[in-house]
């Protein structure tokens, strides 16, 4: 009896395939992506507030405009 139940459960798992066993990973992947995106956004906001970066970008644009004109 128990052997038949185990065999039928294994048959169900095999029919569903490997993808069915990973259904719970979707939430974890979204959470990890959200944390990573938030961290990168924080770094970009911090960088955009730095004077040295503003000066570097301004000098790059000045060089581009000087070379075109």
C-alpha atoms as a PDB file:
ATOM      1  CA  UNK A   1       0.000   0.000   0.000  1.00  0.00           C
ATOM      2  CA  UNK A   2       2.647   2.519   1.088  1.00  0.00           C
ATOM      3  CA  UNK A   3       4.856   1.467  -1.804  1.00  0.00           C
ATOM      4  CA  UNK A   4       2.061   2.299  -4.260  1.00  0.00           C
ATOM      5  CA  UNK A   5       1.520   5.744  -2.707  1.00  0.00           C
ATOM      6  CA  UNK A   6       5.234   6.587  -2.909  1.00  0.00           C
ATOM      7  CA  UNK A   7       5.418   5.334  -6.480  1.00  0.00           C
ATOM      8  CA  UNK A   8       2.426   7.453  -7.523  1.00  0.00           C
ATOM      9  CA  UNK A   9       3.884  10.549  -5.837  1.00  0.00           C
ATOM     10  CA  UNK A  10       7.170  10.042  -7.698  1.00  0.00           C
ATOM     11  CA  UNK A  11       5.256   9.591 -10.935  1.00  0.00           C
ATOM     12  CA  UNK A  12       3.481  12.917 -10.336  1.00  0.00           C
ATOM     13  CA  UNK A  13       6.775  14.679  -9.646  1.00  0.00           C
ATOM     14  CA  UNK A  14       8.364  13.260 -12.773  1.00  0.00           C
ATOM     15  CA  UNK A  15       5.346  14.264 -14.910  1.00  0.00           C
ATOM     16  CA  UNK A  16       5.505  17.856 -13.644  1.00  0.00           C
ATOM     17  CA  UNK A  17       9.184  18.126 -14.457  1.00  0.00           C
ATOM     18  CA  UNK A  18      11.999  20.002 -12.774  1.00  0.00           C
ATOM     19  CA  UNK A  19      10.381  23.420 -13.188  1.00  0.00           C
ATOM     20  CA  UNK A  20       7.600  22.633 -10.740  1.00  0.00           C
ATOM     21  CA  UNK A  21      10.080  22.103  -7.921  1.00  0.00           C
ATOM     22  CA  UNK A  22      11.408  25.661  -8.378  1.00  0.00           C
ATOM     23  CA  UNK A  23       8.110  27.540  -8.173  1.00  0.00           C
ATOM     24  CA  UNK A  24       9.043  29.134  -4.847  1.00  0.00           C
ATOM     25  CA  UNK A  25      12.225  30.667  -6.233  1.00  0.00           C
ATOM     26  CA  UNK A  26      10.326  33.332  -8.142  1.00  0.00           C
ATOM     27  CA  UNK A  27       9.630  35.333  -4.986  1.00  0.00           C
ATOM     28  CA  UNK A  28      13.218  35.020  -3.779  1.00  0.00           C
ATOM     29  CA  UNK A  29      14.551  36.145  -7.151  1.00  0.00           C
ATOM     30  CA  UNK A  30      12.283  39.197  -7.154  1.00  0.00           C
ATOM     31  CA  UNK A  31      13.353  40.052  -3.609  1.00  0.00           C
ATOM     32  CA  UNK A  32      17.041  39.761  -4.474  1.00  0.00           C
ATOM     33  CA  UNK A  33      16.545  41.855  -7.604  1.00  0.00           C
ATOM     34  CA  UNK A  34      14.696  44.520  -5.622  1.00  0.00           C
ATOM     35  CA  UNK A  35      17.437  44.708  -2.989  1.00  0.00           C
ATOM     36  CA  UNK A  36      20.167  44.897  -5.630  1.00  0.00           C
ATOM     37  CA  UNK A  37      18.318  47.573  -7.615  1.00  0.00           C
ATOM     38  CA  UNK A  38      17.731  49.643  -4.500  1.00  0.00           C
ATOM     39  CA  UNK A  39      21.400  49.408  -3.574  1.00  0.00           C
ATOM     40  CA  UNK A  40      22.541  50.483  -7.034  1.00  0.00           C
ATOM     41  CA  UNK A  41      20.036  53.363  -7.023  1.00  0.00           C
ATOM     42  CA  UNK A  42      21.383  54.505  -3.659  1.00  0.00           C
ATOM     43  CA  UNK A  43      24.934  54.491  -4.974  1.00  0.00           C
ATOM     44  CA  UNK A  44      23.894  56.443  -8.078  1.00  0.00           C
ATOM     45  CA  UNK A  45      22.077  59.034  -5.967  1.00  0.00           C
ATOM     46  CA  UNK A  46      25.132  59.387  -3.729  1.00  0.00           C
ATOM     47  CA  UNK A  47      27.405  59.752  -6.764  1.00  0.00           C
ATOM     48  CA  UNK A  48      25.157  62.372  -8.352  1.00  0.00           C
ATOM     49  CA  UNK A  49      25.518  64.527  -5.239  1.00  0.00           C
ATOM     50  CA  UNK A  50      29.333  64.520  -5.336  1.00  0.00           C
ATOM     51  CA  UNK A  51      30.995  67.705  -6.592  1.00  0.00           C
ATOM     52  CA  UNK A  52      33.880  65.853  -8.235  1.00  0.00           C
ATOM     53  CA  UNK A  53      31.485  63.896 -10.436  1.00  0.00           C
ATOM     54  CA  UNK A  54      29.587  67.028 -11.454  1.00  0.00           C
ATOM     55  CA  UNK A  55      32.896  68.705 -12.356  1.00  0.00           C
ATOM     56  CA  UNK A  56      34.057  65.665 -14.331  1.00  0.00           C
ATOM     57  CA  UNK A  57      30.841  65.523 -16.341  1.00  0.00           C
ATOM     58  CA  UNK A  58      30.987  69.281 -17.005  1.00  0.00           C
ATOM     59  CA  UNK A  59      34.585  69.050 -18.206  1.00  0.00           C
ATOM     60  CA  UNK A  60      33.748  66.128 -20.503  1.00  0.00           C
ATOM     61  CA  UNK A  61      30.919  68.114 -22.101  1.00  0.00           C
ATOM     62  CA  UNK A  62      33.171  71.168 -22.431  1.00  0.00           C
ATOM     63  CA  UNK A  63      35.768  69.042 -24.256  1.00  0.00           C
ATOM     64  CA  UNK A  64      33.104  67.637 -26.581  1.00  0.00           C
ATOM     65  CA  UNK A  65      31.702  71.075 -27.385  1.00  0.00           C
ATOM     66  CA  UNK A  66      35.216  72.508 -27.915  1.00  0.00           C
ATOM     67  CA  UNK A  67      36.137  69.704 -30.314  1.00  0.00           C
ATOM     68  CA  UNK A  68      32.930  70.116 -32.345  1.00  0.00           C
ATOM     69  CA  UNK A  69      33.097  73.905 -32.595  1.00  0.00           C
END
